[in-house]
C-alpha atoms as a PDB file:
ATOM      1  CA  MET A   1     -20.148 -19.792 -21.097  1.00  0.00           C
ATOM      2  CA  ASP A   2     -24.067 -18.931 -22.199  1.00  0.00           C
ATOM      3  CA  PHE A   3     -26.160 -16.480 -20.885  1.00  0.00           C
ATOM      4  CA  SER A   4     -29.684 -15.791 -21.049  1.00  0.00           C
ATOM      5  CA  SER A   5     -29.609 -12.916 -20.462  1.00  0.00           C
ATOM      6  CA  LYS A   6     -27.362  -9.796 -21.669  1.00  0.00           C
ATOM      7  CA  LEU A   7     -27.835  -7.652 -18.527  1.00  0.00           C
ATOM      8  CA  LEU A   8     -26.753 -10.314 -17.182  1.00  0.00           C
ATOM      9  CA  GLU A   9     -23.703 -11.504 -18.823  1.00  0.00           C
ATOM     10  CA  ASN A  10     -22.506  -7.856 -18.521  1.00  0.00           C
ATOM     11  CA  ALA A  11     -22.758  -7.902 -15.153  1.00  0.00           C
ATOM     12  CA  VAL A  12     -20.372 -11.258 -15.260  1.00  0.00           C
ATOM     13  CA  ASN A  13     -17.856  -9.838 -17.257  1.00  0.00           C
ATOM     14  CA  GLU A  14     -17.801  -6.873 -15.031  1.00  0.00           C
ATOM     15  CA  ILE A  15     -17.301  -8.747 -11.778  1.00  0.00           C
ATOM     16  CA  SER A  16     -14.985 -11.391 -13.213  1.00  0.00           C
ATOM     17  CA  GLN A  17     -12.640  -8.143 -14.235  1.00  0.00           C
ATOM     18  CA  LEU A  18     -11.440  -8.600  -9.927  1.00  0.00           C
ATOM     19  CA  PRO A  19      -8.998  -9.870  -8.925  1.00  0.00           C
ATOM     20  CA  GLY A  20      -8.575 -13.427  -8.143  1.00  0.00           C
ATOM     21  CA  ILE A  21     -12.784 -13.302  -9.408  1.00  0.00           C
ATOM     22  CA  GLY A  22     -13.016 -15.896 -12.710  1.00  0.00           C
ATOM     23  CA  LYS A  23     -16.457 -16.085 -14.578  1.00  0.00           C
ATOM     24  CA  ARG A  24     -17.854 -18.627 -12.291  1.00  0.00           C
ATOM     25  CA  THR A  25     -17.571 -17.045  -9.240  1.00  0.00           C
ATOM     26  CA  ALA A  26     -18.648 -13.853 -10.800  1.00  0.00           C
ATOM     27  CA  LEU A  27     -21.584 -15.480 -11.951  1.00  0.00           C
ATOM     28  CA  ARG A  28     -22.075 -16.601  -8.528  1.00  0.00           C
ATOM     29  CA  LEU A  29     -22.300 -13.781  -7.197  1.00  0.00           C
ATOM     30  CA  ALA A  30     -24.010 -11.830 -10.106  1.00  0.00           C
ATOM     31  CA  LEU A  31     -26.909 -14.220  -8.642  1.00  0.00           C
ATOM     32  CA  HIS A  32     -26.205 -13.756  -5.590  1.00  0.00           C
ATOM     33  CA  LEU A  33     -26.973 -10.345  -6.028  1.00  0.00           C
ATOM     34  CA  LEU A  34     -29.932 -10.892  -8.194  1.00  0.00           C
ATOM     35  CA  ARG A  35     -31.599 -13.104  -4.638  1.00  0.00           C
ATOM     36  CA  GLN A  36     -30.737  -9.815  -2.373  1.00  0.00           C
ATOM     37  CA  PRO A  37     -33.537  -6.942  -1.911  1.00  0.00           C
ATOM     38  CA  GLU A  38     -33.135  -4.081  -4.445  1.00  0.00           C
ATOM     39  CA  GLU A  39     -31.768  -1.801  -1.705  1.00  0.00           C
ATOM     40  CA  ASN A  40     -28.838  -3.752  -0.880  1.00  0.00           C
ATOM     41  CA  THR A  41     -27.466  -3.866  -4.371  1.00  0.00           C
ATOM     42  CA  SER A  42     -28.337  -0.361  -4.927  1.00  0.00           C
ATOM     43  CA  SER A  43     -26.594   0.188  -1.288  1.00  0.00           C
ATOM     44  CA  LEU A  44     -23.694  -1.737  -2.995  1.00  0.00           C
ATOM     45  CA  ALA A  45     -23.042   0.055  -6.153  1.00  0.00           C
ATOM     46  CA  GLU A  46     -23.837   3.525  -4.088  1.00  0.00           C
ATOM     47  CA  ALA A  47     -20.791   2.458  -2.157  1.00  0.00           C
ATOM     48  CA  ILE A  48     -18.497   1.339  -4.964  1.00  0.00           C
ATOM     49  CA  THR A  49     -19.549   4.303  -6.859  1.00  0.00           C
ATOM     50  CA  LYS A  50     -18.960   6.790  -4.019  1.00  0.00           C
ATOM     51  CA  LEU A  51     -16.041   5.031  -3.325  1.00  0.00           C
ATOM     52  CA  ARG A  52     -14.017   6.065  -7.362  1.00  0.00           C
ATOM     53  CA  SER A  53     -15.631   9.793  -6.679  1.00  0.00           C
ATOM     54  CA  GLU A  54     -15.084  10.741  -4.053  1.00  0.00           C
ATOM     55  CA  ILE A  55     -12.069   9.031  -2.109  1.00  0.00           C
ATOM     56  CA  LYS A  56      -9.006  11.227  -1.893  1.00  0.00           C
ATOM     57  CA  PHE A  57      -5.124  10.493  -1.707  1.00  0.00           C
ATOM     58  CA  CYS A  58      -3.347  12.171   1.545  1.00  0.00           C
ATOM     59  CA  LYS A  59      -1.561  15.613   0.320  1.00  0.00           C
ATOM     60  CA  ARG A  60       1.454  14.282   2.723  1.00  0.00           C
ATOM     61  CA  CYS A  61       1.962  10.730   2.880  1.00  0.00           C
ATOM     62  CA  HIS A  62      -1.049   9.244  -0.072  1.00  0.00           C
ATOM     63  CA  ASN A  63      -2.516   7.296   1.805  1.00  0.00           C
ATOM     64  CA  ILE A  64      -6.057   7.048   1.075  1.00  0.00           C
ATOM     65  CA  SER A  65      -8.136   9.365   2.916  1.00  0.00           C
ATOM     66  CA  ASP A  66     -11.991  11.148   3.041  1.00  0.00           C
ATOM     67  CA  PHE A  67      -9.747  14.460   3.444  1.00  0.00           C
ATOM     68  CA  GLU A  68      -6.825  16.274   2.471  1.00  0.00           C
ATOM     69  CA  LEU A  69      -5.083  15.014   5.671  1.00  0.00           C
ATOM     70  CA  CYS A  70      -5.629  11.054   6.375  1.00  0.00           C
ATOM     71  CA  GLU A  71      -5.867  10.142  10.202  1.00  0.00           C
ATOM     72  CA  ILE A  72      -2.953   9.448  10.681  1.00  0.00           C
ATOM     73  CA  CYS A  73      -0.554  12.714   9.280  1.00  0.00           C
ATOM     74  CA  LYS A  74      -3.398  14.387  11.537  1.00  0.00           C
ATOM     75  CA  ASN A  75      -3.096  12.531  14.458  1.00  0.00           C
ATOM     76  CA  PRO A  76      -0.632  14.780  17.384  1.00  0.00           C
ATOM     77  CA  ASN A  77       0.268  11.809  19.303  1.00  0.00           C
ATOM     78  CA  ARG A  78       2.325  10.252  15.703  1.00  0.00           C
ATOM     79  CA  ASN A  79       5.872  11.132  15.315  1.00  0.00           C
ATOM     80  CA  PRO A  80       6.346  12.886  12.243  1.00  0.00           C
ATOM     81  CA  GLU A  81       9.961  13.049  12.123  1.00  0.00           C
ATOM     82  CA  VAL A  82      10.278   8.648  11.604  1.00  0.00           C
ATOM     83  CA  VAL A  83       8.448   7.671   8.118  1.00  0.00           C
ATOM     84  CA  CYS A  84       7.945   4.505   7.429  1.00  0.00           C
ATOM     85  CA  VAL A  85       8.018   4.230   3.568  1.00  0.00           C
ATOM     86  CA  VAL A  86       5.889   1.289   1.978  1.00  0.00           C
ATOM     87  CA  GLU A  87       4.144   0.053  -1.604  1.00  0.00           C
ATOM     88  CA  ASP A  88       0.513   1.017  -1.165  1.00  0.00           C
ATOM     89  CA  VAL A  89      -2.276   1.146   1.107  1.00  0.00           C
ATOM     90  CA  ARG A  90      -2.155  -2.474   1.863  1.00  0.00           C
ATOM     91  CA  ASP A  91       0.891  -1.996   3.919  1.00  0.00           C
ATOM     92  CA  VAL A  92      -0.608   1.286   5.982  1.00  0.00           C
ATOM     93  CA  MET A  93      -2.554  -1.345   6.761  1.00  0.00           C
ATOM     94  CA  ALA A  94      -0.954  -4.054   7.609  1.00  0.00           C
ATOM     95  CA  ILE A  95       1.382  -2.818   9.990  1.00  0.00           C
ATOM     96  CA  GLU A  96      -1.224  -0.987  11.983  1.00  0.00           C
ATOM     97  CA  ASN A  97      -2.504  -3.783  13.068  1.00  0.00           C
ATOM     98  CA  THR A  98       0.170  -4.803  14.931  1.00  0.00           C
ATOM     99  CA  SER A  99       0.117  -1.362  17.102  1.00  0.00           C
ATOM    100  CA  GLN A 100       3.897  -1.222  17.219  1.00  0.00           C
ATOM    101  CA  PHE A 101       4.614   1.714  15.090  1.00  0.00           C
ATOM    102  CA  LYS A 102       4.149   5.806  16.164  1.00  0.00           C
ATOM    103  CA  GLY A 103       4.708   6.956  12.817  1.00  0.00           C
ATOM    104  CA  THR A 104       3.947   8.297  10.086  1.00  0.00           C
ATOM    105  CA  TYR A 105       4.107   6.751   6.098  1.00  0.00           C
ATOM    106  CA  HIS A 106       5.228   7.161   2.886  1.00  0.00           C
ATOM    107  CA  VAL A 107       2.797   5.744  -0.118  1.00  0.00           C
ATOM    108  CA  LEU A 108       5.071   4.999  -2.531  1.00  0.00           C
ATOM    109  CA  GLY A 109       1.945   3.368  -5.166  1.00  0.00           C
ATOM    110  CA  GLY A 110       3.944   0.744  -6.249  1.00  0.00           C
ATOM    111  CA  LYS A 111       7.949  -0.694  -6.891  1.00  0.00           C
ATOM    112  CA  ILE A 112      10.035  -0.265  -9.898  1.00  0.00           C
ATOM    113  CA  SER A 113       9.906  -2.606 -12.307  1.00  0.00           C
ATOM    114  CA  PRO A 114      11.108  -2.136 -15.822  1.00  0.00           C
ATOM    115  CA  MET A 115       9.367  -5.748 -16.824  1.00  0.00           C
ATOM    116  CA  ASP A 116       5.884  -4.071 -15.724  1.00  0.00           C
ATOM    117  CA  GLY A 117       7.372  -0.458 -17.137  1.00  0.00           C
ATOM    118  CA  ILE A 118       6.725   0.802 -13.971  1.00  0.00           C
ATOM    119  CA  GLY A 119       9.985   3.911 -13.592  1.00  0.00           C
ATOM    120  CA  PRO A 120      10.978   5.863 -10.728  1.00  0.00           C
ATOM    121  CA  ASN A 121       8.433   8.920 -12.295  1.00  0.00           C
ATOM    122  CA  ASP A 122       5.784   6.074 -11.824  1.00  0.00           C
ATOM    123  CA  LEU A 123       5.559   6.200  -8.004  1.00  0.00           C
ATOM    124  CA  THR A 124       5.459   8.824  -5.179  1.00  0.00           C
ATOM    125  CA  ILE A 125       9.634   9.551  -5.148  1.00  0.00           C
ATOM    126  CA  HIS A 126      10.201  12.531  -5.920  1.00  0.00           C
ATOM    127  CA  SER A 127       7.885  13.870  -2.630  1.00  0.00           C
ATOM    128  CA  LEU A 128       9.873  11.529  -0.196  1.00  0.00           C
ATOM    129  CA  VAL A 129      12.855  13.062  -1.590  1.00  0.00           C
ATOM    130  CA  GLU A 130      11.817  16.919  -1.457  1.00  0.00           C
ATOM    131  CA  LYS A 131      10.321  15.623   2.697  1.00  0.00           C
ATOM    132  CA  VAL A 132      13.536  14.239   2.989  1.00  0.00           C
ATOM    133  CA  LYS A 133      15.367  17.683   1.286  1.00  0.00           C
ATOM    134  CA  SER A 134      13.544  19.673   4.002  1.00  0.00           C
ATOM    135  CA  GLY A 135      15.037  18.247   6.850  1.00  0.00           C
ATOM    136  CA  THR A 136      11.962  17.094   8.738  1.00  0.00           C
ATOM    137  CA  ILE A 137      12.409  13.811   8.437  1.00  0.00           C
ATOM    138  CA  LYS A 138      14.938  11.586  11.287  1.00  0.00           C
ATOM    139  CA  GLU A 139      14.414   8.022  10.469  1.00  0.00           C
ATOM    140  CA  LEU A 140      13.397   6.437   7.167  1.00  0.00           C
ATOM    141  CA  ILE A 141      12.270   3.283   7.333  1.00  0.00           C
ATOM    142  CA  PHE A 142      12.192   0.948   4.543  1.00  0.00           C
ATOM    143  CA  ALA A 143       9.194  -1.307   4.379  1.00  0.00           C
ATOM    144  CA  LEU A 144       8.857  -3.030   1.071  1.00  0.00           C
ATOM    145  CA  SER A 145       8.468  -6.495   0.789  1.00  0.00           C
ATOM    146  CA  SER A 146      11.977  -8.403   0.321  1.00  0.00           C
ATOM    147  CA  THR A 147      11.374  -9.083  -3.291  1.00  0.00           C
ATOM    148  CA  MET A 148      13.906  -7.919  -5.659  1.00  0.00           C
ATOM    149  CA  GLU A 149      11.645  -4.933  -7.218  1.00  0.00           C
ATOM    150  CA  GLY A 150      10.941  -4.368  -3.372  1.00  0.00           C
ATOM    151  CA  ASP A 151      14.809  -4.117  -2.925  1.00  0.00           C
ATOM    152  CA  THR A 152      15.790  -2.420  -6.244  1.00  0.00           C
ATOM    153  CA  THR A 153      13.235   0.458  -5.117  1.00  0.00           C
ATOM    154  CA  ASN A 154      14.818   0.407  -1.583  1.00  0.00           C
ATOM    155  CA  PHE A 155      18.424   0.907  -2.541  1.00  0.00           C
ATOM    156  CA  TYR A 156      17.489   3.371  -5.745  1.00  0.00           C
ATOM    157  CA  ILE A 157      15.610   5.873  -2.791  1.00  0.00           C
ATOM    158  CA  PHE A 158      18.794   4.904  -0.337  1.00  0.00           C
ATOM    159  CA  LYS A 159      21.110   7.144  -3.674  1.00  0.00           C
ATOM    160  CA  GLN A 160      18.720   9.657  -4.001  1.00  0.00           C
ATOM    161  CA  ILE A 161      18.787  10.616  -0.373  1.00  0.00           C
ATOM    162  CA  GLU A 162      22.204   9.253   0.511  1.00  0.00           C
ATOM    163  CA  PRO A 163      23.654  13.142   0.656  1.00  0.00           C
ATOM    164  CA  PHE A 164      21.527  13.858   3.581  1.00  0.00           C
ATOM    165  CA  ASN A 165      21.341  13.391   6.898  1.00  0.00           C
ATOM    166  CA  VAL A 166      18.667  11.148   8.031  1.00  0.00           C
ATOM    167  CA  LEU A 167      18.960   7.689   8.929  1.00  0.00           C
ATOM    168  CA  THR A 168      17.943   4.849   7.097  1.00  0.00           C
ATOM    169  CA  THR A 169      16.563   1.750   8.181  1.00  0.00           C
ATOM    170  CA  THR A 170      14.946  -1.608   7.291  1.00  0.00           C
ATOM    171  CA  ILE A 171      12.882  -3.815   9.033  1.00  0.00           C
ATOM    172  CA  ALA A 172      13.978  -7.027  10.247  1.00  0.00           C
ATOM    173  CA  ARG A 173      13.894 -10.059   8.173  1.00  0.00           C
ATOM    174  CA  GLY A 174      11.406 -11.644  10.054  1.00  0.00           C
ATOM    175  CA  ILE A 175       9.960 -11.216   6.973  1.00  0.00           C
ATOM    176  CA  ALA A 176      10.438 -14.597   4.400  1.00  0.00           C
ATOM    177  CA  VAL A 177      12.073 -13.356   1.035  1.00  0.00           C
ATOM    178  CA  GLY A 178       9.241 -13.329  -1.435  1.00  0.00           C
ATOM    179  CA  ASP A 179       6.894 -12.352   1.247  1.00  0.00           C
ATOM    180  CA  GLU A 180       3.992  -9.303   0.930  1.00  0.00           C
ATOM    181  CA  LEU A 181       3.598  -7.684   3.289  1.00  0.00           C
ATOM    182  CA  GLU A 182       0.077  -7.804   3.850  1.00  0.00           C
ATOM    183  CA  TYR A 183       0.362 -11.723   4.303  1.00  0.00           C
ATOM    184  CA  ALA A 184       2.348 -11.348   7.381  1.00  0.00           C
ATOM    185  CA  ASP A 185       0.867 -12.542  11.063  1.00  0.00           C
ATOM    186  CA  GLU A 186       1.021  -9.276  12.964  1.00  0.00           C
ATOM    187  CA  VAL A 187       3.360 -10.410  15.660  1.00  0.00           C
ATOM    188  CA  THR A 188       5.794 -11.582  13.049  1.00  0.00           C
ATOM    189  CA  LEU A 189       5.237  -7.748  10.960  1.00  0.00           C
ATOM    190  CA  GLY A 190       5.375  -5.856  14.598  1.00  0.00           C
ATOM    191  CA  ARG A 191       8.724  -7.973  15.268  1.00  0.00           C
ATOM    192  CA  SER A 192      10.315  -6.820  12.118  1.00  0.00           C
ATOM    193  CA  ILE A 193       9.056  -3.511  12.971  1.00  0.00           C
ATOM    194  CA  VAL A 194      10.476  -2.625  16.579  1.00  0.00           C
ATOM    195  CA  ASN A 195      13.725  -4.725  15.217  1.00  0.00           C
ATOM    196  CA  ARG A 196      14.413  -2.994  12.397  1.00  0.00           C
ATOM    197  CA  ILE A 197      18.845  -2.718  11.001  1.00  0.00           C
ATOM    198  CA  PRO A 198      20.038   0.243   9.450  1.00  0.00           C
ATOM    199  CA  PHE A 199      19.812  -0.038   6.029  1.00  0.00           C
ATOM    200  CA  GLU A 200      23.422  -0.609   5.195  1.00  0.00           C
ATOM    201  CA  ASN A 201      23.648  -3.440   6.861  1.00  0.00           C
ATOM    202  CA  SER A 202      21.090  -4.838   5.137  1.00  0.00           C
ATOM    203  CA  LEU A 203      23.183  -5.124   1.662  1.00  0.00           C
ATOM    204  CA  LYS A 204      25.728  -6.349   3.514  1.00  0.00           C
ATOM    205  CA  ILE A 205      23.326  -9.419   3.837  1.00  0.00           C
END
């Protein structure tokens, strides 16, 4: 792709690094930005810069937040004794959209995947186990996607917390095997949370 401007080429190269954005789409976006009032482009650039430099991760659940504790963990109406274990922030948003869950979350930051070089120490599993050890959690809900990596992560955590007296459940398989939570419709996802089953039962399926 030939560019008449090095500045344009640099912008296209940076935009095309975003997921699902190819060079042609990146070019359209760059040209669209050029056609906008300069203050609009400046606002976008400032929002992205602030997002990267000022965003925090909740010290309790690792969800993204503007403060030390996220709005969910600070909410006195949420049940801190029931914790839903999810892969990332998108899953928190998906479950929250169902309005069916009133507990709190623990965001792992990914799934165990040896093929991708991701092991237990690369995730927030240790802090989750420490929470369970403290005795503050009565139920742990595994809500990772039903992929090989998701099942491996669930089983690893289950074995880590097995010695402690905590109920472990998993979302019902209304979610198709291999599906990611963020793509599930709200009704199906909501029912899978409400109709969760003991984790040990899922090992027999």
